[in-house]
Amino acid sequence: MQTASRGTPERTPDGSGWDGRERWWPAVTTWLSWLPAVVGGALVALPVWGGRGALVGALLGAALAVGVLLSMAWTVELTQTHLRVGRARLPLDVVSGVDVIAARERRAALGPGLDARAHLAVRSWIPTAVRIHLDDPADPAPYWIVSTRRPRRLAEAITRRR
């Protein structure tokens, strides 16, 4: 649950502070990086169809940008039985442990410390994450790394529910 004034999560009935869901909205800088699509759409249409065409081109560029950015806005959802990140689902009964990856540790966790078999669900604009260790002989992935703005709360909630 989010408070309206500050956007900070309240304590939930189980005491974890994790409300079961988090949406990965792109950062403002990511939205601004798509501004050339809008300008480019207008510039391509301007010489052919004039001012009205440029407006249509800009609107098409904006629609493209919004579509791509909304497709990047995955949801992390934790239920009593599984963790869902985007379309991927992880049953909690195969989780053997959860580590918090702080912002300063993220580069090492995703670089030299990364196992190539790991399942990654990360976004560049979210600096913190959790590493969810798996104990499933049928799954080749040893762990998942999942971006979250509230890594300690998510780790506590997963640990409490497994």
N, C-alpha and C. Protein backbone atom coordinates (compact mmCIF):
# COMPACT_ATOMS: atom_id res chain seq x y z
N MET A 1 0.84 -1.17 0.00
CA MET A 1 0.00 0.00 0.00
C MET A 1 0.88 1.23 0.00
N GLN A 2 0.56 2.19 -0.79
CA GLN A 2 1.33 3.42 -0.88
C GLN A 2 0.54 4.54 -0.22
N THR A 3 1.25 5.38 0.51
CA THR A 3 0.59 6.57 1.03
C THR A 3 0.54 7.60 -0.07
N ALA A 4 -0.50 8.39 -0.06
CA ALA A 4 -0.69 9.35 -1.15
C ALA A 4 0.33 10.47 -1.12
N SER A 5 0.76 10.87 0.06
CA SER A 5 1.60 12.06 0.13
C SER A 5 3.06 11.79 -0.23
N ARG A 6 3.64 10.72 0.26
CA ARG A 6 5.07 10.52 0.04
C ARG A 6 5.41 9.35 -0.86
N GLY A 7 4.47 8.47 -1.12
CA GLY A 7 4.74 7.33 -1.96
C GLY A 7 5.58 6.28 -1.26
N THR A 8 5.65 6.31 0.07
CA THR A 8 6.40 5.30 0.80
C THR A 8 5.44 4.22 1.27
N PRO A 9 5.88 2.97 1.25
CA PRO A 9 4.97 1.90 1.62
C PRO A 9 4.66 1.91 3.12
N GLU A 10 3.43 1.59 3.44
CA GLU A 10 3.03 1.44 4.82
C GLU A 10 3.35 0.01 5.25
N ARG A 11 3.27 -0.24 6.54
CA ARG A 11 3.44 -1.60 7.03
C ARG A 11 2.19 -2.40 6.67
N THR A 12 2.40 -3.60 6.17
CA THR A 12 1.30 -4.47 5.80
C THR A 12 0.94 -5.35 7.00
N PRO A 13 -0.19 -6.06 6.96
CA PRO A 13 -0.59 -6.88 8.10
C PRO A 13 0.47 -7.93 8.50
N ASP A 14 1.24 -8.44 7.55
CA ASP A 14 2.27 -9.42 7.91
C ASP A 14 3.54 -8.75 8.41
N GLY A 15 3.57 -7.40 8.44
CA GLY A 15 4.70 -6.68 9.00
C GLY A 15 5.87 -6.48 8.06
N SER A 16 5.77 -6.94 6.81
CA SER A 16 6.92 -6.89 5.92
C SER A 16 7.09 -5.55 5.23
N GLY A 17 6.02 -4.77 5.09
CA GLY A 17 6.12 -3.53 4.35
C GLY A 17 6.02 -3.74 2.86
N TRP A 18 5.99 -4.99 2.42
CA TRP A 18 5.86 -5.30 0.99
C TRP A 18 4.39 -5.51 0.71
N ASP A 19 3.83 -4.72 -0.21
CA ASP A 19 2.40 -4.80 -0.47
C ASP A 19 2.05 -5.85 -1.51
N GLY A 20 3.04 -6.61 -1.95
CA GLY A 20 2.78 -7.69 -2.89
C GLY A 20 2.97 -7.32 -4.34
N ARG A 21 3.20 -6.04 -4.64
CA ARG A 21 3.29 -5.61 -6.03
C ARG A 21 4.15 -4.36 -6.16
N GLU A 22 4.94 -4.33 -7.22
CA GLU A 22 5.75 -3.15 -7.53
C GLU A 22 5.80 -3.01 -9.05
N ARG A 23 5.57 -1.82 -9.55
CA ARG A 23 5.60 -1.56 -10.99
C ARG A 23 6.89 -0.83 -11.33
N TRP A 24 7.59 -1.30 -12.35
CA TRP A 24 8.88 -0.72 -12.77
C TRP A 24 8.65 0.36 -13.81
N TRP A 25 8.19 1.51 -13.43
CA TRP A 25 8.01 2.60 -14.38
C TRP A 25 9.38 3.13 -14.80
N PRO A 26 9.57 3.40 -16.09
CA PRO A 26 10.85 3.97 -16.52
C PRO A 26 11.11 5.33 -15.89
N ALA A 27 12.37 5.63 -15.71
CA ALA A 27 12.78 6.91 -15.13
C ALA A 27 12.48 8.05 -16.11
N VAL A 28 12.43 9.25 -15.59
CA VAL A 28 12.17 10.43 -16.41
C VAL A 28 13.22 10.55 -17.53
N THR A 29 14.47 10.25 -17.21
CA THR A 29 15.52 10.34 -18.22
C THR A 29 15.31 9.33 -19.35
N THR A 30 14.73 8.19 -19.03
CA THR A 30 14.44 7.20 -20.06
C THR A 30 13.34 7.72 -20.99
N TRP A 31 12.32 8.34 -20.40
CA TRP A 31 11.26 8.93 -21.23
C TRP A 31 11.84 10.03 -22.12
N LEU A 32 12.72 10.87 -21.55
CA LEU A 32 13.31 11.96 -22.33
C LEU A 32 14.21 11.44 -23.45
N SER A 33 14.81 10.27 -23.25
CA SER A 33 15.68 9.72 -24.29
C SER A 33 14.90 9.34 -25.55
N TRP A 34 13.59 9.23 -25.45
CA TRP A 34 12.76 8.93 -26.62
C TRP A 34 12.25 10.18 -27.32
N LEU A 35 12.63 11.35 -26.84
CA LEU A 35 12.23 12.59 -27.49
C LEU A 35 12.66 12.66 -28.96
N PRO A 36 13.83 12.14 -29.34
CA PRO A 36 14.19 12.15 -30.76
C PRO A 36 13.22 11.38 -31.66
N ALA A 37 12.51 10.40 -31.13
CA ALA A 37 11.50 9.70 -31.93
C ALA A 37 10.36 10.64 -32.30
N VAL A 38 9.99 11.50 -31.38
CA VAL A 38 8.92 12.46 -31.64
C VAL A 38 9.39 13.50 -32.65
N VAL A 39 10.57 14.05 -32.41
CA VAL A 39 11.12 15.07 -33.32
C VAL A 39 11.39 14.45 -34.69
N GLY A 40 11.94 13.26 -34.70
CA GLY A 40 12.23 12.58 -35.97
C GLY A 40 10.98 12.31 -36.78
N GLY A 41 9.90 11.89 -36.11
CA GLY A 41 8.64 11.68 -36.81
C GLY A 41 8.14 12.94 -37.46
N ALA A 42 8.27 14.06 -36.76
CA ALA A 42 7.84 15.34 -37.31
C ALA A 42 8.72 15.76 -38.49
N LEU A 43 10.04 15.60 -38.35
CA LEU A 43 10.96 16.03 -39.41
C LEU A 43 10.84 15.18 -40.67
N VAL A 44 10.52 13.91 -40.52
CA VAL A 44 10.35 13.05 -41.70
C VAL A 44 9.10 13.45 -42.48
N ALA A 45 8.03 13.77 -41.76
CA ALA A 45 6.77 14.09 -42.44
C ALA A 45 6.68 15.53 -42.92
N LEU A 46 7.43 16.45 -42.34
CA LEU A 46 7.33 17.87 -42.65
C LEU A 46 7.54 18.19 -44.13
N PRO A 47 8.60 17.73 -44.79
CA PRO A 47 8.79 18.12 -46.18
C PRO A 47 7.76 17.53 -47.14
N VAL A 48 7.17 16.42 -46.75
CA VAL A 48 6.23 15.75 -47.65
C VAL A 48 4.81 16.29 -47.47
N TRP A 49 4.35 16.40 -46.23
CA TRP A 49 2.96 16.77 -45.99
C TRP A 49 2.78 18.10 -45.27
N GLY A 50 3.83 18.81 -45.00
CA GLY A 50 3.71 20.13 -44.36
C GLY A 50 3.48 20.05 -42.86
N GLY A 51 2.90 21.10 -42.32
CA GLY A 51 2.71 21.24 -40.88
C GLY A 51 1.80 20.18 -40.28
N ARG A 52 0.68 19.89 -40.95
CA ARG A 52 -0.22 18.86 -40.42
C ARG A 52 0.43 17.49 -40.46
N GLY A 53 1.17 17.23 -41.49
CA GLY A 53 1.89 15.96 -41.57
C GLY A 53 2.94 15.84 -40.49
N ALA A 54 3.62 16.97 -40.20
CA ALA A 54 4.61 16.97 -39.13
C ALA A 54 3.95 16.66 -37.78
N LEU A 55 2.76 17.20 -37.55
CA LEU A 55 2.05 16.92 -36.31
C LEU A 55 1.69 15.44 -36.22
N VAL A 56 1.21 14.87 -37.32
CA VAL A 56 0.89 13.43 -37.35
C VAL A 56 2.15 12.61 -37.12
N GLY A 57 3.25 12.99 -37.76
CA GLY A 57 4.52 12.28 -37.57
C GLY A 57 5.00 12.34 -36.13
N ALA A 58 4.86 13.50 -35.50
CA ALA A 58 5.25 13.65 -34.10
C ALA A 58 4.37 12.78 -33.21
N LEU A 59 3.06 12.74 -33.50
CA LEU A 59 2.16 11.91 -32.72
C LEU A 59 2.48 10.42 -32.89
N LEU A 60 2.83 10.00 -34.09
CA LEU A 60 3.21 8.61 -34.32
C LEU A 60 4.52 8.28 -33.59
N GLY A 61 5.47 9.20 -33.61
CA GLY A 61 6.71 9.00 -32.86
C GLY A 61 6.46 8.90 -31.37
N ALA A 62 5.55 9.74 -30.86
CA ALA A 62 5.19 9.70 -29.44
C ALA A 62 4.49 8.39 -29.09
N ALA A 63 3.61 7.93 -29.98
CA ALA A 63 2.92 6.66 -29.73
C ALA A 63 3.91 5.50 -29.70
N LEU A 64 4.88 5.52 -30.59
CA LEU A 64 5.92 4.49 -30.60
C LEU A 64 6.70 4.51 -29.28
N ALA A 65 7.10 5.70 -28.85
CA ALA A 65 7.86 5.83 -27.61
C ALA A 65 7.06 5.33 -26.41
N VAL A 66 5.82 5.74 -26.32
CA VAL A 66 4.98 5.32 -25.19
C VAL A 66 4.78 3.81 -25.22
N GLY A 67 4.55 3.24 -26.40
CA GLY A 67 4.38 1.78 -26.50
C GLY A 67 5.60 1.02 -26.04
N VAL A 68 6.77 1.45 -26.48
CA VAL A 68 8.01 0.77 -26.08
C VAL A 68 8.25 0.93 -24.59
N LEU A 69 8.08 2.13 -24.07
CA LEU A 69 8.35 2.37 -22.65
C LEU A 69 7.36 1.66 -21.74
N LEU A 70 6.10 1.58 -22.14
CA LEU A 70 5.13 0.84 -21.33
C LEU A 70 5.41 -0.66 -21.36
N SER A 71 5.96 -1.15 -22.46
CA SER A 71 6.31 -2.58 -22.51
C SER A 71 7.48 -2.88 -21.58
N MET A 72 8.26 -1.88 -21.22
CA MET A 72 9.39 -2.05 -20.31
C MET A 72 8.95 -1.93 -18.84
N ALA A 73 7.73 -1.51 -18.60
CA ALA A 73 7.24 -1.28 -17.24
C ALA A 73 6.63 -2.57 -16.68
N TRP A 74 7.47 -3.52 -16.37
CA TRP A 74 7.01 -4.79 -15.81
C TRP A 74 6.50 -4.61 -14.40
N THR A 75 5.81 -5.64 -13.93
CA THR A 75 5.31 -5.68 -12.56
C THR A 75 5.99 -6.83 -11.82
N VAL A 76 6.41 -6.56 -10.59
CA VAL A 76 6.90 -7.59 -9.68
C VAL A 76 5.76 -7.85 -8.71
N GLU A 77 5.29 -9.10 -8.66
CA GLU A 77 4.16 -9.43 -7.80
C GLU A 77 4.51 -10.66 -6.96
N LEU A 78 4.28 -10.55 -5.68
CA LEU A 78 4.54 -11.64 -4.75
C LEU A 78 3.23 -12.10 -4.14
N THR A 79 2.92 -13.39 -4.34
CA THR A 79 1.74 -13.98 -3.71
C THR A 79 2.21 -14.96 -2.65
N GLN A 80 1.28 -15.70 -2.08
CA GLN A 80 1.65 -16.69 -1.07
C GLN A 80 2.40 -17.87 -1.67
N THR A 81 2.27 -18.11 -2.98
CA THR A 81 2.86 -19.30 -3.58
C THR A 81 3.94 -19.04 -4.62
N HIS A 82 3.99 -17.83 -5.20
CA HIS A 82 4.96 -17.58 -6.25
C HIS A 82 5.34 -16.10 -6.36
N LEU A 83 6.44 -15.88 -7.07
CA LEU A 83 6.89 -14.54 -7.43
C LEU A 83 6.74 -14.41 -8.93
N ARG A 84 6.09 -13.35 -9.38
CA ARG A 84 5.93 -13.12 -10.81
C ARG A 84 6.66 -11.83 -11.16
N VAL A 85 7.52 -11.90 -12.18
CA VAL A 85 8.26 -10.74 -12.68
C VAL A 85 7.99 -10.69 -14.18
N GLY A 86 7.20 -9.70 -14.59
CA GLY A 86 6.77 -9.68 -15.99
C GLY A 86 5.91 -10.92 -16.23
N ARG A 87 6.30 -11.75 -17.20
CA ARG A 87 5.58 -12.99 -17.47
C ARG A 87 6.22 -14.21 -16.81
N ALA A 88 7.40 -14.04 -16.23
CA ALA A 88 8.09 -15.16 -15.60
C ALA A 88 7.54 -15.40 -14.20
N ARG A 89 7.39 -16.68 -13.86
CA ARG A 89 6.88 -17.07 -12.53
C ARG A 89 7.87 -17.97 -11.84
N LEU A 90 8.05 -17.73 -10.55
CA LEU A 90 8.95 -18.53 -9.74
C LEU A 90 8.18 -19.05 -8.53
N PRO A 91 8.00 -20.39 -8.44
CA PRO A 91 7.34 -20.93 -7.24
C PRO A 91 8.22 -20.72 -6.02
N LEU A 92 7.64 -20.29 -4.93
CA LEU A 92 8.41 -20.00 -3.72
C LEU A 92 8.94 -21.26 -3.05
N ASP A 93 8.39 -22.42 -3.38
CA ASP A 93 8.87 -23.63 -2.73
C ASP A 93 10.24 -24.09 -3.25
N VAL A 94 10.77 -23.47 -4.31
CA VAL A 94 12.12 -23.81 -4.79
C VAL A 94 13.16 -22.77 -4.35
N VAL A 95 12.74 -21.76 -3.60
CA VAL A 95 13.66 -20.71 -3.14
C VAL A 95 14.42 -21.22 -1.92
N SER A 96 15.74 -21.13 -1.99
CA SER A 96 16.55 -21.57 -0.85
C SER A 96 17.13 -20.40 -0.06
N GLY A 97 17.10 -19.21 -0.60
CA GLY A 97 17.61 -18.05 0.11
C GLY A 97 17.49 -16.80 -0.73
N VAL A 98 17.58 -15.65 -0.07
CA VAL A 98 17.46 -14.36 -0.76
C VAL A 98 18.53 -13.42 -0.22
N ASP A 99 19.27 -12.78 -1.13
CA ASP A 99 20.28 -11.78 -0.77
C ASP A 99 19.86 -10.42 -1.31
N VAL A 100 20.14 -9.38 -0.55
CA VAL A 100 19.90 -8.01 -1.00
C VAL A 100 21.15 -7.54 -1.75
N ILE A 101 20.95 -6.95 -2.92
CA ILE A 101 22.05 -6.37 -3.69
C ILE A 101 21.89 -4.86 -3.62
N ALA A 102 22.79 -4.22 -2.88
CA ALA A 102 22.75 -2.77 -2.73
C ALA A 102 23.24 -2.12 -4.02
N ALA A 103 22.99 -0.83 -4.15
CA ALA A 103 23.37 -0.10 -5.36
C ALA A 103 24.86 -0.21 -5.64
N ARG A 104 25.68 -0.14 -4.60
CA ARG A 104 27.13 -0.19 -4.79
C ARG A 104 27.62 -1.60 -5.16
N GLU A 105 26.82 -2.63 -4.89
CA GLU A 105 27.20 -4.01 -5.20
C GLU A 105 26.64 -4.50 -6.54
N ARG A 106 25.77 -3.73 -7.13
CA ARG A 106 25.07 -4.16 -8.34
C ARG A 106 26.01 -4.44 -9.50
N ARG A 107 26.98 -3.59 -9.69
CA ARG A 107 27.89 -3.76 -10.83
C ARG A 107 28.63 -5.09 -10.75
N ALA A 108 29.13 -5.43 -9.57
CA ALA A 108 29.84 -6.71 -9.40
C ALA A 108 28.88 -7.89 -9.57
N ALA A 109 27.65 -7.75 -9.06
CA ALA A 109 26.69 -8.84 -9.15
C ALA A 109 26.26 -9.11 -10.59
N LEU A 110 26.21 -8.06 -11.40
CA LEU A 110 25.79 -8.21 -12.80
C LEU A 110 26.97 -8.31 -13.75
N GLY A 111 28.17 -8.16 -13.24
CA GLY A 111 29.37 -8.22 -14.08
C GLY A 111 30.19 -9.46 -13.77
N PRO A 112 31.34 -9.27 -13.14
CA PRO A 112 32.23 -10.40 -12.91
C PRO A 112 31.66 -11.46 -11.98
N GLY A 113 30.73 -11.11 -11.11
CA GLY A 113 30.17 -12.09 -10.19
C GLY A 113 28.96 -12.81 -10.72
N LEU A 114 28.57 -12.56 -11.95
CA LEU A 114 27.34 -13.14 -12.51
C LEU A 114 27.58 -14.54 -13.05
N ASP A 115 26.70 -15.45 -12.71
CA ASP A 115 26.68 -16.78 -13.32
C ASP A 115 25.87 -16.66 -14.62
N ALA A 116 26.43 -17.12 -15.71
CA ALA A 116 25.79 -16.96 -17.02
C ALA A 116 24.44 -17.67 -17.11
N ARG A 117 24.19 -18.60 -16.23
CA ARG A 117 22.92 -19.33 -16.24
C ARG A 117 21.82 -18.61 -15.46
N ALA A 118 22.14 -17.53 -14.78
CA ALA A 118 21.18 -16.83 -13.93
C ALA A 118 20.06 -16.21 -14.77
N HIS A 119 18.89 -16.14 -14.16
CA HIS A 119 17.75 -15.46 -14.78
C HIS A 119 17.79 -14.01 -14.34
N LEU A 120 17.85 -13.08 -15.28
CA LEU A 120 17.94 -11.65 -14.97
C LEU A 120 16.63 -10.95 -15.30
N ALA A 121 16.13 -10.21 -14.34
CA ALA A 121 14.97 -9.35 -14.54
C ALA A 121 15.35 -8.00 -13.94
N VAL A 122 16.17 -7.26 -14.68
CA VAL A 122 16.73 -6.02 -14.16
C VAL A 122 16.40 -4.86 -15.08
N ARG A 123 16.35 -3.69 -14.49
CA ARG A 123 16.17 -2.45 -15.23
C ARG A 123 17.25 -1.48 -14.79
N SER A 124 17.82 -0.78 -15.74
CA SER A 124 18.96 0.09 -15.45
C SER A 124 18.60 1.25 -14.53
N TRP A 125 17.37 1.68 -14.52
CA TRP A 125 16.99 2.84 -13.72
C TRP A 125 16.62 2.47 -12.27
N ILE A 126 16.71 1.18 -11.92
CA ILE A 126 16.46 0.75 -10.55
C ILE A 126 17.79 0.25 -9.99
N PRO A 127 18.41 0.98 -9.07
CA PRO A 127 19.78 0.67 -8.66
C PRO A 127 19.93 -0.52 -7.71
N THR A 128 18.86 -0.97 -7.08
CA THR A 128 18.96 -2.07 -6.12
C THR A 128 18.22 -3.30 -6.63
N ALA A 129 18.56 -4.46 -6.06
CA ALA A 129 17.96 -5.71 -6.51
C ALA A 129 18.03 -6.75 -5.41
N VAL A 130 17.44 -7.91 -5.68
CA VAL A 130 17.58 -9.07 -4.81
C VAL A 130 18.09 -10.24 -5.66
N ARG A 131 18.87 -11.10 -5.02
CA ARG A 131 19.31 -12.34 -5.65
C ARG A 131 18.56 -13.47 -4.95
N ILE A 132 17.76 -14.20 -5.71
CA ILE A 132 16.93 -15.26 -5.17
C ILE A 132 17.57 -16.59 -5.56
N HIS A 133 18.12 -17.29 -4.57
CA HIS A 133 18.79 -18.57 -4.82
C HIS A 133 17.76 -19.68 -4.95
N LEU A 134 18.00 -20.58 -5.91
CA LEU A 134 17.05 -21.66 -6.19
C LEU A 134 17.62 -23.01 -5.78
N ASP A 135 16.74 -23.87 -5.33
CA ASP A 135 17.09 -25.25 -5.03
C ASP A 135 16.15 -26.13 -5.84
N ASP A 136 16.38 -26.18 -7.15
CA ASP A 136 15.54 -26.93 -8.06
C ASP A 136 16.43 -27.64 -9.06
N PRO A 137 16.64 -28.95 -8.93
CA PRO A 137 17.54 -29.66 -9.84
C PRO A 137 17.06 -29.64 -11.30
N ALA A 138 15.77 -29.40 -11.52
CA ALA A 138 15.25 -29.36 -12.89
C ALA A 138 15.49 -28.02 -13.58
N ASP A 139 15.86 -27.01 -12.81
CA ASP A 139 16.06 -25.67 -13.36
C ASP A 139 17.55 -25.40 -13.48
N PRO A 140 18.03 -25.07 -14.68
CA PRO A 140 19.47 -24.79 -14.82
C PRO A 140 19.91 -23.46 -14.21
N ALA A 141 18.97 -22.56 -13.94
CA ALA A 141 19.33 -21.26 -13.35
C ALA A 141 19.61 -21.44 -11.87
N PRO A 142 20.80 -21.03 -11.41
CA PRO A 142 21.10 -21.16 -9.97
C PRO A 142 20.41 -20.09 -9.13
N TYR A 143 20.09 -18.95 -9.75
CA TYR A 143 19.42 -17.87 -9.02
C TYR A 143 18.79 -16.90 -10.00
N TRP A 144 17.90 -16.06 -9.46
CA TRP A 144 17.32 -14.95 -10.20
C TRP A 144 17.86 -13.67 -9.59
N ILE A 145 18.11 -12.67 -10.42
CA ILE A 145 18.38 -11.31 -9.94
C ILE A 145 17.22 -10.45 -10.42
N VAL A 146 16.55 -9.81 -9.46
CA VAL A 146 15.34 -9.06 -9.75
C VAL A 146 15.51 -7.64 -9.22
N SER A 147 15.34 -6.65 -10.08
CA SER A 147 15.38 -5.25 -9.66
C SER A 147 14.18 -4.95 -8.77
N THR A 148 14.42 -4.12 -7.76
CA THR A 148 13.34 -3.66 -6.89
C THR A 148 13.81 -2.40 -6.17
N ARG A 149 12.89 -1.50 -5.94
CA ARG A 149 13.22 -0.29 -5.21
C ARG A 149 13.21 -0.53 -3.70
N ARG A 150 12.65 -1.68 -3.28
CA ARG A 150 12.56 -2.03 -1.86
C ARG A 150 13.14 -3.42 -1.63
N PRO A 151 14.46 -3.58 -1.82
CA PRO A 151 15.04 -4.92 -1.78
C PRO A 151 14.93 -5.61 -0.42
N ARG A 152 15.14 -4.89 0.67
CA ARG A 152 15.07 -5.54 1.99
C ARG A 152 13.66 -6.03 2.28
N ARG A 153 12.69 -5.22 1.94
CA ARG A 153 11.30 -5.61 2.20
C ARG A 153 10.89 -6.80 1.34
N LEU A 154 11.32 -6.81 0.07
CA LEU A 154 10.99 -7.95 -0.78
C LEU A 154 11.69 -9.21 -0.28
N ALA A 155 12.96 -9.10 0.10
CA ALA A 155 13.68 -10.26 0.62
C ALA A 155 13.02 -10.80 1.87
N GLU A 156 12.62 -9.92 2.78
CA GLU A 156 11.94 -10.36 4.00
C GLU A 156 10.61 -11.04 3.68
N ALA A 157 9.86 -10.49 2.75
CA ALA A 157 8.56 -11.06 2.40
C ALA A 157 8.72 -12.44 1.75
N ILE A 158 9.71 -12.59 0.87
CA ILE A 158 9.94 -13.90 0.24
C ILE A 158 10.36 -14.92 1.30
N THR A 159 11.27 -14.52 2.16
CA THR A 159 11.75 -15.42 3.22
C THR A 159 10.60 -15.84 4.13
N ARG A 160 9.73 -14.91 4.45
CA ARG A 160 8.59 -15.20 5.32
C ARG A 160 7.59 -16.14 4.66
N ARG A 161 7.47 -16.10 3.35
CA ARG A 161 6.42 -16.89 2.66
C ARG A 161 6.91 -18.24 2.15
N ARG A 162 8.21 -18.47 2.16
CA ARG A 162 8.67 -19.76 1.60
C ARG A 162 8.64 -20.86 2.62
